[in-house]
């Protein structure tokens, strides 16, 4: 059984049986059989059906938002945002697909016709986590379907209703049977599924250790995969930054979704000339959060997804404090924070160093560390001193400086004066232990298709 314990009140919110071996076989068989016809369906028809799927999904916006709050704890005031971003990304990928899949025609050669065509792979297994269950899934599901693949979706045991919601929308839109299915699976069943010859591509979003397990499960297979794993994303506030704007947005980037974002800000480097002012502003901004029941519209900071996660976050923070860090936000401002539950008071730590796990390893919670730096070179060195590389943000009025600094940072995305956002027309990718592959943008289709060359000598 899957039992989803709600971080809202510790109750069991969802119970589902794991798929049986027979159900897994039926799902894989249906997906493989449906691929033959789905791939040959005109692109315009696939676009129409996927667009109708998006329509059916967003029509349930409020119900989806409430389910999301109960499953993973995001405040109800913020939960509908995920449905809106789902639509934004899906519509963008629908719009981009004709150009992304257009034939590539080299320079004309007398007596020949030559072109490269992108063809679908087959059955794609998509595994999505609980922190942004719809946004991580849409990155792979929608372009995979548009490219002509069939999809099997497996969601986290914390958010099983998300998989059901997405597939139900596909059924309401009229997608052919077998084209888009879900399965509730154990880790062992996932490994068996990856080893099955009918699965041709795996798209996984989750932890680094989870990525290693996925890679290990496919060690004897020559198939492709996309891995979006951990992050410890930095922000650099230069001396010329618009400080009020930087404080507001960096704090939001660190604490939105209770800090449970792959691309959320977890470490901040501030030029010494503005360091004290920035820290003062950040503490004031964090102190205004209201921690409480996420079903209350007035709540601005909800619980993390589980009591176990809260304990791990607290342990990392306490280790940093034991090593000399200082916590600046008064915990008395957050009476809802209760030991042994998923409710955590937000933390702003200073006097932190890279000798602390808090500044090296993913925290994934409502806590951020702030360090003073002498200038650009020190900031770049510290930003790169990490096993991860998903995003990095630079807060400055100088676009030329941001471009120069950004070219030196080891990361998948460089922001100037924004953070914690995915533009669906830009490639979403990472370096180092953050993973491999690419989603979104026109480039996202390259990982869900294979190139096929046509070389004809004309009669």
Protein backbone atom coordinates (compact mmCIF):
# COMPACT_ATOMS: atom_id res chain seq x y z
CA UNK A 1 0.00 0.00 0.00
CA UNK A 2 0.90 3.63 -0.48
CA UNK A 3 -0.15 5.75 2.50
CA UNK A 4 0.24 9.50 2.13
CA UNK A 5 0.57 11.16 5.53
CA UNK A 6 -0.51 14.78 5.23
CA UNK A 7 1.90 17.31 6.74
CA UNK A 8 -1.13 19.47 7.55
CA UNK A 9 -2.27 17.37 10.52
CA UNK A 10 -0.41 14.06 10.38
CA UNK A 11 -3.45 12.14 9.16
CA UNK A 12 -3.45 9.56 6.36
CA UNK A 13 -4.86 11.52 3.43
CA UNK A 14 -4.52 8.98 0.60
CA UNK A 15 -4.24 5.20 0.45
CA UNK A 16 -3.55 3.36 -2.76
CA UNK A 17 -2.59 -0.19 -3.58
CA UNK A 18 0.63 -0.72 -5.48
CA UNK A 19 0.18 -1.91 -9.04
CA UNK A 20 0.07 -5.67 -9.46
CA UNK A 21 2.41 -7.43 -11.89
CA UNK A 22 -0.58 -7.99 -14.13
CA UNK A 23 -1.48 -4.28 -14.10
CA UNK A 24 2.11 -3.34 -14.90
CA UNK A 25 2.20 -5.76 -17.82
CA UNK A 26 -1.13 -4.49 -19.13
CA UNK A 27 0.00 -0.86 -18.89
CA UNK A 28 3.32 -1.47 -20.65
CA UNK A 29 1.67 -3.60 -23.30
CA UNK A 30 -0.96 -0.94 -23.96
CA UNK A 31 1.65 1.83 -24.14
CA UNK A 32 3.82 -0.13 -26.57
CA UNK A 33 0.82 -1.02 -28.75
CA UNK A 34 -0.53 2.54 -28.76
CA UNK A 35 2.82 3.95 -29.87
CA UNK A 36 2.51 2.54 -33.39
CA UNK A 37 -0.61 4.58 -34.16
CA UNK A 38 0.10 7.63 -31.96
CA UNK A 39 3.45 8.35 -33.64
CA UNK A 40 1.77 8.36 -37.07
CA UNK A 41 -0.99 10.71 -36.02
CA UNK A 42 -0.47 14.10 -37.70
CA UNK A 43 1.33 16.55 -35.42
CA UNK A 44 -1.59 18.98 -35.63
CA UNK A 45 -3.90 16.30 -34.24
CA UNK A 46 -1.52 15.51 -31.37
CA UNK A 47 -1.32 19.22 -30.60
CA UNK A 48 -5.11 19.44 -30.54
CA UNK A 49 -5.53 16.48 -28.18
CA UNK A 50 -2.78 17.60 -25.80
CA UNK A 51 -4.24 21.11 -25.76
CA UNK A 52 -7.61 19.64 -24.80
CA UNK A 53 -5.88 17.67 -22.05
CA UNK A 54 -4.48 20.94 -20.66
CA UNK A 55 -7.97 22.49 -20.85
CA UNK A 56 -9.46 19.59 -18.89
CA UNK A 57 -6.70 19.81 -16.30
CA UNK A 58 -6.91 23.54 -15.56
CA UNK A 59 -10.70 23.35 -15.37
CA UNK A 60 -10.16 21.58 -12.02
CA UNK A 61 -7.79 24.29 -10.74
CA UNK A 62 -9.23 24.82 -7.27
CA UNK A 63 -9.79 21.14 -6.49
CA UNK A 64 -6.26 20.34 -7.63
CA UNK A 65 -4.86 23.13 -5.46
CA UNK A 66 -6.66 21.88 -2.34
CA UNK A 67 -5.47 18.31 -2.93
CA UNK A 68 -1.94 19.62 -3.34
CA UNK A 69 -2.10 21.46 -0.02
CA UNK A 70 -3.24 18.33 1.80
CA UNK A 71 -0.63 16.11 0.13
CA UNK A 72 2.51 18.23 0.51
CA UNK A 73 1.63 21.25 2.63
CA UNK A 74 1.86 24.25 0.33
CA UNK A 75 -0.35 27.13 1.56
CA UNK A 76 -3.71 27.21 -0.19
CA UNK A 77 -3.02 30.85 -1.07
CA UNK A 78 -0.06 29.68 -3.20
CA UNK A 79 -1.18 26.25 -4.41
CA UNK A 80 -3.16 27.38 -7.52
CA UNK A 81 0.08 28.91 -8.83
CA UNK A 82 1.24 25.42 -9.82
CA UNK A 83 -1.77 24.89 -12.07
CA UNK A 84 -1.12 28.26 -13.72
CA UNK A 85 2.54 27.45 -14.35
CA UNK A 86 1.55 24.01 -15.63
CA UNK A 87 -0.57 25.69 -18.26
CA UNK A 88 2.16 28.20 -19.13
CA UNK A 89 4.73 25.47 -19.78
CA UNK A 90 2.33 23.15 -21.59
CA UNK A 91 1.10 25.90 -23.93
CA UNK A 92 4.68 26.95 -24.66
CA UNK A 93 5.73 23.41 -25.60
CA UNK A 94 2.63 23.03 -27.81
CA UNK A 95 3.59 26.27 -29.55
CA UNK A 96 7.25 25.28 -29.99
CA UNK A 97 6.79 21.74 -31.26
CA UNK A 98 6.37 22.42 -35.04
CA UNK A 99 9.70 24.23 -35.22
CA UNK A 100 11.41 21.75 -32.91
CA UNK A 101 10.37 18.75 -35.01
CA UNK A 102 10.79 20.37 -38.43
CA UNK A 103 13.12 18.60 -40.83
CA UNK A 104 16.71 19.82 -40.87
CA UNK A 105 17.71 20.33 -44.50
CA UNK A 106 21.39 20.84 -45.35
CA UNK A 107 22.63 22.89 -48.31
CA UNK A 108 21.15 21.68 -51.58
CA UNK A 109 23.21 19.07 -53.45
CA UNK A 110 22.54 18.44 -57.13
CA UNK A 111 20.96 15.04 -57.77
CA UNK A 112 20.16 14.33 -54.11
CA UNK A 113 17.51 14.93 -51.52
CA UNK A 114 18.90 15.05 -47.98
CA UNK A 115 17.29 15.84 -44.66
CA UNK A 116 17.28 14.87 -40.98
CA UNK A 117 13.99 14.04 -39.30
CA UNK A 118 13.36 13.73 -35.56
CA UNK A 119 11.41 10.58 -34.73
CA UNK A 120 9.80 9.57 -31.40
CA UNK A 121 11.52 7.04 -29.16
CA UNK A 122 8.66 4.84 -27.91
CA UNK A 123 7.48 4.33 -24.33
CA UNK A 124 8.74 7.05 -21.96
CA UNK A 125 8.73 6.51 -18.20
CA UNK A 126 8.33 9.78 -16.28
CA UNK A 127 9.01 9.85 -12.52
CA UNK A 128 7.99 13.03 -10.70
CA UNK A 129 8.69 14.17 -7.11
CA UNK A 130 6.39 15.70 -4.50
CA UNK A 131 7.74 19.25 -4.19
CA UNK A 132 6.37 20.52 -7.54
CA UNK A 133 4.56 17.39 -8.69
CA UNK A 134 2.78 18.92 -11.66
CA UNK A 135 5.53 21.26 -12.84
CA UNK A 136 8.21 18.59 -12.83
CA UNK A 137 5.88 16.16 -14.63
CA UNK A 138 4.70 18.58 -17.30
CA UNK A 139 8.30 19.27 -18.36
CA UNK A 140 8.55 15.74 -19.74
CA UNK A 141 4.99 14.47 -20.20
CA UNK A 142 3.69 17.14 -22.59
CA UNK A 143 6.69 17.27 -24.97
CA UNK A 144 6.96 13.48 -24.92
CA UNK A 145 3.36 13.12 -26.03
CA UNK A 146 3.65 15.89 -28.62
CA UNK A 147 6.75 14.26 -30.09
CA UNK A 148 4.79 11.05 -30.66
CA UNK A 149 5.87 8.99 -27.65
CA UNK A 150 3.57 7.22 -25.24
CA UNK A 151 4.02 7.90 -21.51
CA UNK A 152 3.82 5.98 -18.26
CA UNK A 153 3.79 8.32 -15.25
CA UNK A 154 4.92 7.40 -11.74
CA UNK A 155 4.49 10.04 -9.03
CA UNK A 156 5.93 10.22 -5.54
CA UNK A 157 4.09 8.33 -2.82
CA UNK A 158 3.57 11.75 -1.17
CA UNK A 159 1.53 13.02 -4.14
CA UNK A 160 -0.16 10.02 -5.83
CA UNK A 161 -3.32 11.96 -6.69
CA UNK A 162 -1.30 14.14 -9.07
CA UNK A 163 -0.66 11.26 -11.45
CA UNK A 164 -4.33 10.33 -11.35
CA UNK A 165 -5.41 13.91 -12.06
CA UNK A 166 -3.17 14.23 -15.11
CA UNK A 167 -4.21 10.92 -16.67
CA UNK A 168 -7.89 11.65 -16.00
CA UNK A 169 -7.52 14.93 -17.90
CA UNK A 170 -6.02 13.00 -20.82
CA UNK A 171 -8.94 10.59 -20.82
CA UNK A 172 -11.43 13.48 -20.77
CA UNK A 173 -9.59 15.07 -23.70
CA UNK A 174 -9.94 11.91 -25.78
CA UNK A 175 -6.33 10.73 -25.97
CA UNK A 176 -6.34 7.14 -27.27
CA UNK A 177 -6.15 4.38 -24.67
CA UNK A 178 -2.61 3.39 -23.78
CA UNK A 179 -1.05 6.69 -24.83
CA UNK A 180 -0.84 8.11 -21.29
CA UNK A 181 -1.11 5.91 -18.19
CA UNK A 182 0.01 6.03 -14.55
CA UNK A 183 1.25 3.39 -12.13
CA UNK A 184 1.72 3.43 -8.35
CA UNK A 185 4.96 1.53 -7.80
CA UNK A 186 7.52 0.47 -5.21
CA UNK A 187 11.26 1.08 -5.72
CA UNK A 188 11.73 -2.54 -6.75
CA UNK A 189 8.91 -2.31 -9.27
CA UNK A 190 10.45 0.86 -10.71
CA UNK A 191 13.77 -0.92 -11.21
CA UNK A 192 11.99 -3.80 -12.96
CA UNK A 193 10.12 -1.34 -15.18
CA UNK A 194 13.34 0.42 -16.21
CA UNK A 195 14.83 -2.96 -17.11
CA UNK A 196 11.86 -3.80 -19.36
CA UNK A 197 12.75 -3.68 -23.06
CA UNK A 198 9.58 -1.69 -23.88
CA UNK A 199 10.73 1.35 -21.89
CA UNK A 200 12.99 3.42 -24.15
CA UNK A 201 13.56 6.62 -22.17
CA UNK A 202 13.46 7.51 -18.47
CA UNK A 203 12.85 11.06 -17.22
CA UNK A 204 13.51 11.30 -13.48
CA UNK A 205 13.32 14.28 -11.12
CA UNK A 206 14.43 13.69 -7.55
CA UNK A 207 17.40 13.23 -5.27
CA UNK A 208 20.98 12.50 -6.28
CA UNK A 209 20.74 9.09 -4.63
CA UNK A 210 17.52 8.42 -6.54
CA UNK A 211 19.30 9.36 -9.76
CA UNK A 212 22.07 6.89 -8.98
CA UNK A 213 19.50 4.15 -8.46
CA UNK A 214 17.84 4.96 -11.79
CA UNK A 215 21.20 4.89 -13.55
CA UNK A 216 22.05 1.60 -11.87
CA UNK A 217 18.76 0.03 -12.94
CA UNK A 218 19.54 0.74 -16.60
CA UNK A 219 23.20 -0.26 -16.49
CA UNK A 220 22.68 -3.17 -18.90
CA UNK A 221 20.51 -1.22 -21.32
CA UNK A 222 21.40 1.21 -24.09
CA UNK A 223 18.56 3.65 -23.57
CA UNK A 224 18.47 7.37 -22.87
CA UNK A 225 17.58 9.20 -19.69
CA UNK A 226 17.09 12.67 -18.28
CA UNK A 227 17.99 13.31 -14.65
CA UNK A 228 17.13 16.49 -12.73
CA UNK A 229 18.60 15.97 -9.30
CA UNK A 230 19.75 18.09 -6.36
CA UNK A 231 20.57 21.77 -6.10
CA UNK A 232 22.24 24.21 -3.73
CA UNK A 233 21.53 27.32 -5.72
CA UNK A 234 23.42 30.53 -4.93
CA UNK A 235 22.59 34.22 -5.21
CA UNK A 236 25.16 37.01 -5.41
CA UNK A 237 24.15 40.52 -4.37
CA UNK A 238 26.62 43.04 -5.84
CA UNK A 239 27.37 46.43 -4.34
CA UNK A 240 25.33 48.12 -7.13
CA UNK A 241 22.17 46.04 -6.60
CA UNK A 242 18.75 47.58 -6.03
CA UNK A 243 18.85 46.43 -2.42
CA UNK A 244 15.16 46.59 -1.51
CA UNK A 245 14.28 44.68 -4.68
CA UNK A 246 17.04 42.13 -4.05
CA UNK A 247 15.96 41.52 -0.46
CA UNK A 248 12.33 40.99 -1.40
CA UNK A 249 13.05 38.59 -4.25
CA UNK A 250 15.95 36.67 -2.75
CA UNK A 251 13.93 35.99 0.40
CA UNK A 252 10.97 34.86 -1.68
CA UNK A 253 13.29 32.66 -3.75
CA UNK A 254 14.59 31.05 -0.57
CA UNK A 255 11.34 30.56 1.36
CA UNK A 256 8.56 30.05 -1.21
CA UNK A 257 7.16 26.52 -0.95
CA UNK A 258 8.90 26.32 2.46
CA UNK A 259 12.22 26.27 0.63
CA UNK A 260 11.37 22.96 -1.07
CA UNK A 261 12.44 23.85 -4.58
CA UNK A 262 15.23 22.37 -6.70
CA UNK A 263 16.10 25.88 -7.88
CA UNK A 264 15.28 27.72 -4.66
CA UNK A 265 18.03 29.92 -3.20
CA UNK A 266 19.89 28.17 -0.38
CA UNK A 267 23.04 30.30 -0.06
CA UNK A 268 23.54 34.05 -0.53
CA UNK A 269 26.80 35.95 -1.05
CA UNK A 270 26.61 39.70 -0.44
CA UNK A 271 29.19 42.38 -1.17
CA UNK A 272 30.65 43.66 2.09
CA UNK A 273 29.56 47.24 1.40
CA UNK A 274 25.87 46.27 1.51
CA UNK A 275 26.08 43.13 3.64
CA UNK A 276 24.69 44.51 6.91
CA UNK A 277 21.85 46.33 5.20
CA UNK A 278 20.92 43.24 3.18
CA UNK A 279 20.98 40.98 6.25
CA UNK A 280 18.83 43.43 8.21
CA UNK A 281 16.30 43.58 5.39
CA UNK A 282 16.25 39.80 4.98
CA UNK A 283 15.62 39.21 8.67
CA UNK A 284 12.80 41.75 8.66
CA UNK A 285 11.22 40.15 5.58
CA UNK A 286 11.43 36.61 6.98
CA UNK A 287 10.05 37.75 10.33
CA UNK A 288 6.85 38.82 8.56
CA UNK A 289 6.03 35.28 7.39
CA UNK A 290 3.03 33.62 8.99
CA UNK A 291 3.65 29.93 9.71
CA UNK A 292 0.51 27.90 10.18
CA UNK A 293 -2.13 25.60 8.78
CA UNK A 294 -1.76 25.79 4.98
CA UNK A 295 -5.53 25.58 4.53
CA UNK A 296 -5.81 29.03 6.14
CA UNK A 297 -5.65 31.65 3.33
CA UNK A 298 -3.68 33.95 5.66
CA UNK A 299 -0.81 31.44 5.99
CA UNK A 300 2.26 32.41 3.98
CA UNK A 301 4.61 29.63 5.15
CA UNK A 302 3.32 26.09 5.41
CA UNK A 303 4.84 22.91 6.83
CA UNK A 304 7.48 20.95 4.95
CA UNK A 305 6.26 17.74 3.37
CA UNK A 306 6.98 15.41 6.30
CA UNK A 307 8.09 15.27 9.91
CA UNK A 308 11.12 13.24 8.84
CA UNK A 309 12.10 15.96 6.39
CA UNK A 310 11.71 18.59 9.10
CA UNK A 311 13.99 16.60 11.40
CA UNK A 312 16.69 16.33 8.71
CA UNK A 313 16.53 20.09 8.02
CA UNK A 314 16.76 20.88 11.73
CA UNK A 315 19.72 18.57 12.15
CA UNK A 316 21.62 20.35 9.39
CA UNK A 317 20.84 23.75 10.91
CA UNK A 318 21.83 22.65 14.41
CA UNK A 319 25.13 21.29 13.08
CA UNK A 320 25.88 24.70 11.53
CA UNK A 321 25.05 26.46 14.81
CA UNK A 322 27.34 24.10 16.69
CA UNK A 323 30.12 25.03 14.26
CA UNK A 324 29.76 28.76 14.88
CA UNK A 325 26.86 29.97 12.75
CA UNK A 326 24.31 32.38 14.22
CA UNK A 327 20.55 32.33 13.67
CA UNK A 328 19.03 35.80 13.43
CA UNK A 329 15.26 35.27 13.18
CA UNK A 330 13.39 35.09 16.49
CA UNK A 331 11.77 31.62 16.66
CA UNK A 332 9.22 33.05 19.11
CA UNK A 333 7.54 34.74 16.14
CA UNK A 334 6.43 31.31 14.91
CA UNK A 335 4.46 29.56 17.66
CA UNK A 336 3.12 26.99 15.17
CA UNK A 337 6.61 25.46 14.89
CA UNK A 338 6.42 22.23 16.89
CA UNK A 339 9.16 19.62 17.40
CA UNK A 340 8.25 16.24 15.95
CA UNK A 341 5.91 17.73 13.34
CA UNK A 342 6.41 19.09 9.82
CA UNK A 343 6.08 22.71 11.02
CA UNK A 344 9.45 24.52 11.08
CA UNK A 345 10.31 28.12 11.94
CA UNK A 346 12.25 29.83 9.12
CA UNK A 347 15.96 30.36 9.72
CA UNK A 348 18.45 32.96 8.47
CA UNK A 349 22.02 31.97 9.35
CA UNK A 350 25.13 34.18 9.23
CA UNK A 351 28.76 33.48 10.16
CA UNK A 352 28.43 30.41 7.95
CA UNK A 353 31.32 28.80 6.04
CA UNK A 354 31.75 26.16 3.40
CA UNK A 355 33.09 23.82 6.09
CA UNK A 356 29.47 23.38 7.14
CA UNK A 357 27.17 20.87 5.44
CA UNK A 358 24.54 23.62 5.60
CA UNK A 359 26.44 25.51 2.88
CA UNK A 360 27.42 22.43 0.85
CA UNK A 361 24.55 19.96 0.89
CA UNK A 362 20.95 20.46 -0.19
CA UNK A 363 18.81 21.70 2.73
CA UNK A 364 15.42 21.72 0.98
CA UNK A 365 13.67 23.65 3.71
CA UNK A 366 12.93 27.13 5.09
CA UNK A 367 16.53 28.08 5.90
CA UNK A 368 19.17 30.15 4.12
CA UNK A 369 22.79 31.06 4.80
CA UNK A 370 24.28 34.50 4.06
CA UNK A 371 28.02 35.19 3.63
CA UNK A 372 29.93 38.44 3.14
CA UNK A 373 32.27 38.63 0.11
CA UNK A 374 34.90 41.13 -1.04
CA UNK A 375 33.86 41.20 -4.70
CA UNK A 376 33.05 39.33 -7.90
CA UNK A 377 36.00 36.93 -7.87
CA UNK A 378 35.34 35.67 -4.35
CA UNK A 379 31.62 35.36 -5.10
CA UNK A 380 32.25 33.29 -8.23
CA UNK A 381 34.70 31.01 -6.40
CA UNK A 382 32.19 30.35 -3.62
CA UNK A 383 29.27 29.89 -6.01
CA UNK A 384 31.28 27.27 -7.89
CA UNK A 385 32.38 25.53 -4.68
CA UNK A 386 29.50 23.08 -4.80
CA UNK A 387 28.76 19.61 -6.18
CA UNK A 388 25.59 21.04 -7.73
CA UNK A 389 24.81 23.42 -10.57
CA UNK A 390 21.18 24.11 -11.47
CA UNK A 391 20.71 27.90 -11.29
CA UNK A 392 22.56 30.95 -9.98
CA UNK A 393 21.29 34.52 -9.67
CA UNK A 394 23.16 37.82 -9.84
CA UNK A 395 21.60 40.97 -8.39
CA UNK A 396 23.03 44.04 -10.06
CA UNK A 397 22.24 47.05 -12.24
CA UNK A 398 25.15 46.20 -14.57
CA UNK A 399 24.09 43.83 -17.36
CA UNK A 400 27.63 43.61 -18.76
CA UNK A 401 28.99 42.57 -15.36
CA UNK A 402 26.22 39.99 -14.96
CA UNK A 403 27.09 38.47 -18.34
CA UNK A 404 30.78 38.30 -17.50
CA UNK A 405 30.15 36.80 -14.05
CA UNK A 406 27.52 34.43 -15.42
CA UNK A 407 29.93 33.05 -18.01
CA UNK A 408 32.22 31.95 -15.15
CA UNK A 409 29.59 30.23 -13.00
CA UNK A 410 29.20 26.46 -13.32
CA UNK A 411 25.43 26.25 -13.65
CA UNK A 412 22.59 25.39 -16.00
CA UNK A 413 20.81 28.77 -15.80
CA UNK A 414 22.10 32.23 -14.92
CA UNK A 415 19.58 34.82 -13.75
CA UNK A 416 19.99 38.55 -13.43
CA UNK A 417 17.59 40.16 -10.96
CA UNK A 418 15.29 37.16 -10.72
CA UNK A 419 15.38 33.60 -9.40
CA UNK A 420 13.39 30.42 -8.79
CA UNK A 421 11.57 30.55 -12.13
CA UNK A 422 11.56 28.42 -15.27
CA UNK A 423 11.05 30.15 -18.60
CA UNK A 424 9.59 27.39 -20.80
CA UNK A 425 11.28 28.84 -23.88
CA UNK A 426 14.73 28.41 -22.31
CA UNK A 427 16.53 25.10 -21.78
CA UNK A 428 16.19 23.67 -18.26
CA UNK A 429 19.36 21.77 -17.49
CA UNK A 430 22.07 21.36 -14.88
CA UNK A 431 25.70 20.43 -14.42
CA UNK A 432 27.69 18.26 -12.00
CA UNK A 433 25.54 16.27 -9.54
CA UNK A 434 22.45 18.19 -10.58
CA UNK A 435 22.08 15.67 -13.40
CA UNK A 436 22.06 15.33 -17.14
CA UNK A 437 19.78 16.06 -20.06
CA UNK A 438 17.51 18.97 -20.89
CA UNK A 439 13.82 19.77 -20.72
CA UNK A 440 11.73 22.70 -22.01
CA UNK A 441 12.55 24.97 -24.96
CA UNK A 442 13.03 23.61 -28.46
CA UNK A 443 16.08 21.75 -27.19
CA UNK A 444 13.90 19.73 -24.83
CA UNK A 445 12.53 17.81 -27.80
CA UNK A 446 15.98 16.54 -28.75
CA UNK A 447 16.06 14.27 -25.71
CA UNK A 448 12.63 12.81 -26.48
CA UNK A 449 13.34 12.00 -30.12
CA UNK A 450 16.11 10.43 -32.20
CA UNK A 451 17.59 11.88 -35.39
CA UNK A 452 17.08 9.90 -38.57
CA UNK A 453 18.86 10.84 -41.77
CA UNK A 454 17.33 10.49 -45.25
CA UNK A 455 19.85 10.36 -48.10
CA UNK A 456 18.20 9.89 -51.50
CA UNK A 457 19.99 9.82 -54.86
CA UNK A 458 17.35 11.05 -57.30
CA UNK A 459 16.70 9.15 -60.55
